[in-house]
Amino acid sequence: MLISELKSYGLDISKIQGPFDLAPLMSSLEKIIDADAILKNQTSTTLMLTRSGKHEHVFAYGATLPVETLAKLEKRCQIHWVQTASEFFLAGKACVSLPPAFPPVKINGGIYWDVGDKNPFPAEYLMDAGCDTIFCFVKDYWNACSAYNPETDDFTQRQLETAEMSISTIFMDRYERVTERAEREGKKVYVITSKLPPPDTQILKTTPEATKYTFRVETEAINKWIKDNLNIDPADD
């Protein structure tokens, strides 16, 4: 119906890939992050998980992983080593681009996007990479769907809630697998969730007071991190 309505006004929507555009954010990040310096740092390895079709892909940079670790990871996904600053930012953009809200990203001829709807808890990748202690920052899926109402008259609300329920089910299944494996292998997995519901989703019925408090706390924390780690005072902008 939306497409038909837009076309009725004579608008050319053939080039619209998604309602949200990450380009302004990525442009800002490129100005404050020295990607070349990060790529030259060989003291650690960073893995950015993406999806292309039904297959999962990892864009990696930093220290080269041991052969046995690579062999384990390659059973789950295809690994692409990031070589340039351009690839670095494109991979970062791809791993948070979840269609249809955000359009997929083209990298070296391939199309990649966020894997969250297929694998919202990819802790096993880190287990395969040899990590013994893993910290997972995730949405509070245990409480995220407490407001689910399949009888709501709001079509958009119902669609969002249904998708949320689906992802929550996948998360719970993977969480159970991860915790069982961690116990077998003697690994530690810590799950960290927000104390307050994130303000970016209306399906959680966030109160105005909670939203205001969350924005203030998050803004203060982000500004402090930027000042401490990037030597940039956000107040000067």
Protein backbone atom coordinates (compact mmCIF):
# COMPACT_ATOMS: atom_id res chain seq x y z
CA MET A 1 0.00 0.00 0.00
CA LEU A 2 2.84 2.39 0.83
CA ILE A 3 4.57 1.69 -2.49
CA SER A 4 1.32 2.20 -4.40
CA GLU A 5 0.68 5.47 -2.60
CA LEU A 6 4.15 6.81 -3.36
CA LYS A 7 3.86 5.83 -7.01
CA SER A 8 0.50 7.59 -7.25
CA TYR A 9 2.35 10.84 -6.59
CA GLY A 10 4.65 10.13 -9.51
CA LEU A 11 7.69 9.48 -7.29
CA ASP A 12 10.51 7.28 -8.57
CA ILE A 13 11.16 4.85 -5.71
CA SER A 14 13.25 2.38 -7.71
CA LYS A 15 16.44 3.51 -5.97
CA ILE A 16 15.10 3.42 -2.40
CA GLN A 17 16.84 0.50 -0.64
CA GLY A 18 15.62 1.11 2.90
CA PRO A 19 13.88 3.75 5.03
CA PHE A 20 17.00 4.47 7.12
CA ASP A 21 20.42 5.61 5.94
CA LEU A 22 23.61 4.84 7.90
CA ALA A 23 25.75 7.04 5.63
CA PRO A 24 25.76 10.12 7.93
CA LEU A 25 26.81 8.00 10.92
CA MET A 26 29.54 6.24 8.97
CA SER A 27 30.81 9.56 7.64
CA SER A 28 31.17 10.85 11.21
CA LEU A 29 32.94 7.67 12.34
CA GLU A 30 35.40 7.91 9.47
CA LYS A 31 36.39 11.38 10.70
CA ILE A 32 37.10 10.38 14.30
CA ILE A 33 38.39 6.81 13.94
CA ASP A 34 41.86 6.14 12.54
CA ALA A 35 41.10 2.89 10.73
CA ASP A 36 44.66 2.56 9.36
CA ALA A 37 46.09 2.62 12.90
CA ILE A 38 43.57 -0.01 14.02
CA LEU A 39 44.42 -2.29 11.09
CA LYS A 40 48.12 -2.06 11.93
CA ASN A 41 47.50 -3.12 15.53
CA GLN A 42 48.39 -6.82 15.66
CA THR A 43 47.89 -7.38 19.41
CA SER A 44 44.31 -8.64 19.13
CA THR A 45 41.81 -9.96 16.60
CA THR A 46 38.39 -8.49 15.90
CA LEU A 47 35.64 -10.45 14.15
CA MET A 48 32.63 -8.72 12.57
CA LEU A 49 29.81 -11.14 11.86
CA THR A 50 27.60 -10.62 8.79
CA ARG A 51 25.24 -12.57 6.59
CA SER A 52 24.90 -13.09 2.85
CA GLY A 53 21.85 -15.09 1.89
CA LYS A 54 21.60 -18.02 4.30
CA HIS A 55 25.36 -18.13 4.91
CA GLU A 56 27.29 -16.35 7.65
CA HIS A 57 30.49 -14.43 6.95
CA VAL A 58 33.12 -12.95 9.26
CA PHE A 59 35.23 -9.91 8.44
CA ALA A 60 38.39 -10.15 10.53
CA TYR A 61 41.28 -7.81 11.19
CA GLY A 62 44.20 -7.65 13.59
CA ALA A 63 46.41 -10.54 14.68
CA THR A 64 46.27 -13.67 12.52
CA LEU A 65 44.45 -16.51 14.25
CA PRO A 66 46.09 -19.92 14.83
CA VAL A 67 45.54 -22.52 12.13
CA GLU A 68 43.38 -24.73 14.36
CA THR A 69 41.19 -21.77 15.30
CA LEU A 70 40.70 -20.78 11.66
CA ALA A 71 39.74 -24.36 10.83
CA LYS A 72 36.99 -24.30 13.49
CA LEU A 73 35.64 -20.94 12.37
CA GLU A 74 35.67 -21.88 8.71
CA LYS A 75 33.27 -24.73 9.49
CA ARG A 76 30.71 -22.10 10.50
CA CYS A 77 31.40 -19.28 8.07
CA GLN A 78 33.58 -17.78 5.39
CA ILE A 79 36.33 -15.50 6.70
CA HIS A 80 37.39 -12.31 4.92
CA TRP A 81 40.48 -10.48 6.20
CA VAL A 82 40.02 -6.70 6.14
CA GLN A 83 42.90 -5.05 4.29
CA THR A 84 41.91 -1.40 3.90
CA ALA A 85 40.22 1.39 5.84
CA SER A 86 37.40 1.36 3.29
CA GLU A 87 36.71 -2.34 3.90
CA PHE A 88 36.93 -1.73 7.65
CA PHE A 89 34.07 0.78 7.63
CA LEU A 90 32.02 -1.15 5.08
CA ALA A 91 32.24 -4.30 7.19
CA GLY A 92 31.22 -2.35 10.27
CA LYS A 93 28.27 -0.92 8.39
CA ALA A 94 27.26 -4.34 7.07
CA CYS A 95 27.20 -6.01 10.47
CA VAL A 96 24.56 -3.53 11.72
CA SER A 97 22.51 -3.22 8.51
CA LEU A 98 19.36 -5.24 9.08
CA PRO A 99 16.94 -5.24 6.10
CA PRO A 100 14.39 -3.95 5.41
CA ALA A 101 15.09 -1.06 7.81
CA PHE A 102 18.68 -0.71 6.60
CA PRO A 103 19.85 -1.68 3.11
CA PRO A 104 22.53 -4.38 2.73
CA VAL A 105 26.12 -3.38 1.98
CA LYS A 106 28.21 -4.28 -1.07
CA ILE A 107 31.82 -5.30 -0.31
CA ASN A 108 34.11 -6.53 -3.08
CA GLY A 109 31.18 -7.65 -5.19
CA GLY A 110 29.35 -9.45 -2.35
CA ILE A 111 26.21 -8.29 -0.51
CA TYR A 112 26.24 -8.48 3.30
CA TRP A 113 23.98 -7.48 6.18
CA ASP A 114 23.26 -7.96 9.90
CA VAL A 115 22.94 -11.57 11.04
CA GLY A 116 20.85 -10.68 14.12
CA ASP A 117 17.59 -12.17 12.92
CA LYS A 118 19.33 -15.49 12.22
CA ASN A 119 21.92 -15.62 15.00
CA PRO A 120 21.27 -13.08 17.79
CA PHE A 121 23.75 -14.79 20.18
CA PRO A 122 26.93 -15.75 18.25
CA ALA A 123 29.03 -16.55 21.33
CA GLU A 124 30.09 -19.90 19.87
CA TYR A 125 32.26 -18.06 17.36
CA LEU A 126 34.35 -16.78 20.26
CA MET A 127 34.51 -20.24 21.78
CA ASP A 128 35.83 -21.57 18.47
CA ALA A 129 38.34 -18.69 18.47
CA GLY A 130 39.75 -20.01 21.76
CA CYS A 131 38.26 -17.50 24.20
CA ASP A 132 37.86 -18.82 27.75
CA THR A 133 35.97 -15.82 29.16
CA ILE A 134 33.25 -14.18 27.06
CA PHE A 135 31.20 -11.07 27.82
CA CYS A 136 27.98 -10.78 25.81
CA PHE A 137 26.15 -7.44 25.67
CA VAL A 138 22.63 -8.34 24.56
CA LYS A 139 19.08 -7.11 24.65
CA ASP A 140 17.04 -8.39 27.59
CA TYR A 141 15.25 -11.06 25.60
CA TRP A 142 13.86 -12.57 28.80
CA ASN A 143 11.64 -9.53 29.30
CA ALA A 144 11.53 -7.94 25.85
CA CYS A 145 8.29 -9.63 24.83
CA SER A 146 6.34 -9.14 28.06
CA ALA A 147 4.13 -6.60 26.27
CA TYR A 148 3.36 -8.88 23.31
CA ASN A 149 -0.28 -8.53 22.30
CA PRO A 150 -1.24 -10.51 19.18
CA GLU A 151 -4.73 -8.96 19.22
CA THR A 152 -3.58 -5.36 18.87
CA ASP A 153 -5.32 -3.35 16.16
CA ASP A 154 -2.05 -1.63 15.26
CA PHE A 155 -0.71 -3.57 12.25
CA THR A 156 2.83 -2.14 12.51
CA GLN A 157 2.95 -2.85 16.24
CA ARG A 158 1.79 -6.42 15.69
CA GLN A 159 4.40 -7.02 12.98
CA LEU A 160 7.20 -5.67 15.17
CA GLU A 161 6.11 -7.73 18.14
CA THR A 162 5.80 -10.89 16.07
CA ALA A 163 9.32 -10.41 14.68
CA GLU A 164 10.59 -9.76 18.21
CA MET A 165 9.03 -12.99 19.45
CA SER A 166 10.67 -14.92 16.62
CA ILE A 167 14.14 -13.52 17.33
CA SER A 168 13.67 -14.10 21.07
CA THR A 169 12.91 -17.77 20.41
CA ILE A 170 16.08 -18.13 18.34
CA PHE A 171 18.07 -16.35 21.05
CA MET A 172 16.82 -18.65 23.81
CA ASP A 173 17.75 -21.73 21.79
CA ARG A 174 21.27 -20.49 21.11
CA TYR A 175 21.69 -19.27 24.69
CA GLU A 176 20.89 -22.77 25.95
CA ARG A 177 23.39 -24.31 23.50
CA VAL A 178 26.11 -21.84 24.48
CA THR A 179 25.69 -22.29 28.23
CA GLU A 180 25.69 -26.08 27.91
CA ARG A 181 28.85 -26.01 25.80
CA ALA A 182 30.52 -23.54 28.18
CA GLU A 183 29.86 -25.87 31.09
CA ARG A 184 31.28 -28.86 29.19
CA GLU A 185 34.42 -27.00 28.14
CA GLY A 186 35.00 -25.08 31.38
CA LYS A 187 34.47 -21.65 29.80
CA LYS A 188 32.87 -18.59 31.38
CA VAL A 189 30.07 -16.77 29.56
CA TYR A 190 28.68 -13.59 31.10
CA VAL A 191 25.50 -12.05 29.71
CA ILE A 192 25.11 -8.30 30.28
CA THR A 193 21.77 -6.57 29.67
CA SER A 194 20.54 -3.00 30.16
CA LYS A 195 18.90 -2.19 33.48
CA LEU A 196 16.37 -0.09 31.60
CA PRO A 197 14.65 -0.94 28.30
CA PRO A 198 16.45 0.74 25.38
CA PRO A 199 14.52 3.77 24.12
CA ASP A 200 14.85 2.76 20.47
CA THR A 201 11.86 0.43 20.42
CA GLN A 202 8.28 1.31 21.22
CA ILE A 203 7.21 -2.31 21.69
CA LEU A 204 8.68 -2.26 25.19
CA LYS A 205 6.19 0.40 26.32
CA THR A 206 9.01 2.55 27.68
CA THR A 207 7.82 5.33 29.98
CA PRO A 208 8.84 8.94 29.17
CA GLU A 209 10.74 9.10 32.45
CA ALA A 210 12.75 5.95 31.66
CA THR A 211 13.49 7.17 28.13
CA LYS A 212 14.69 10.56 29.39
CA TYR A 213 16.89 8.94 32.04
CA THR A 214 18.36 6.42 29.58
CA PHE A 215 19.22 9.07 27.01
CA ARG A 216 20.94 11.20 29.65
CA VAL A 217 22.99 8.33 31.08
CA GLU A 218 23.96 6.98 27.66
CA THR A 219 24.93 10.45 26.40
CA GLU A 220 27.12 11.11 29.43
CA ALA A 221 28.82 7.71 29.11
CA ILE A 222 29.41 8.10 25.36
CA ASN A 223 30.82 11.62 25.74
CA LYS A 224 33.15 10.45 28.50
CA TRP A 225 34.38 7.52 26.38
CA ILE A 226 35.03 9.80 23.39
CA LYS A 227 36.95 12.28 25.54
CA ASP A 228 38.98 9.58 27.37
CA ASN A 229 39.77 7.38 24.37
CA LEU A 230 39.82 9.71 21.37
CA ASN A 231 41.06 12.86 23.08
CA ILE A 232 38.08 14.76 21.63
CA ASP A 233 35.79 16.89 23.76
CA PRO A 234 32.23 16.52 22.37
CA ALA A 235 31.38 19.86 23.98
CA ASP A 236 33.64 21.57 21.44
CA ASP A 237 31.52 20.38 18.52
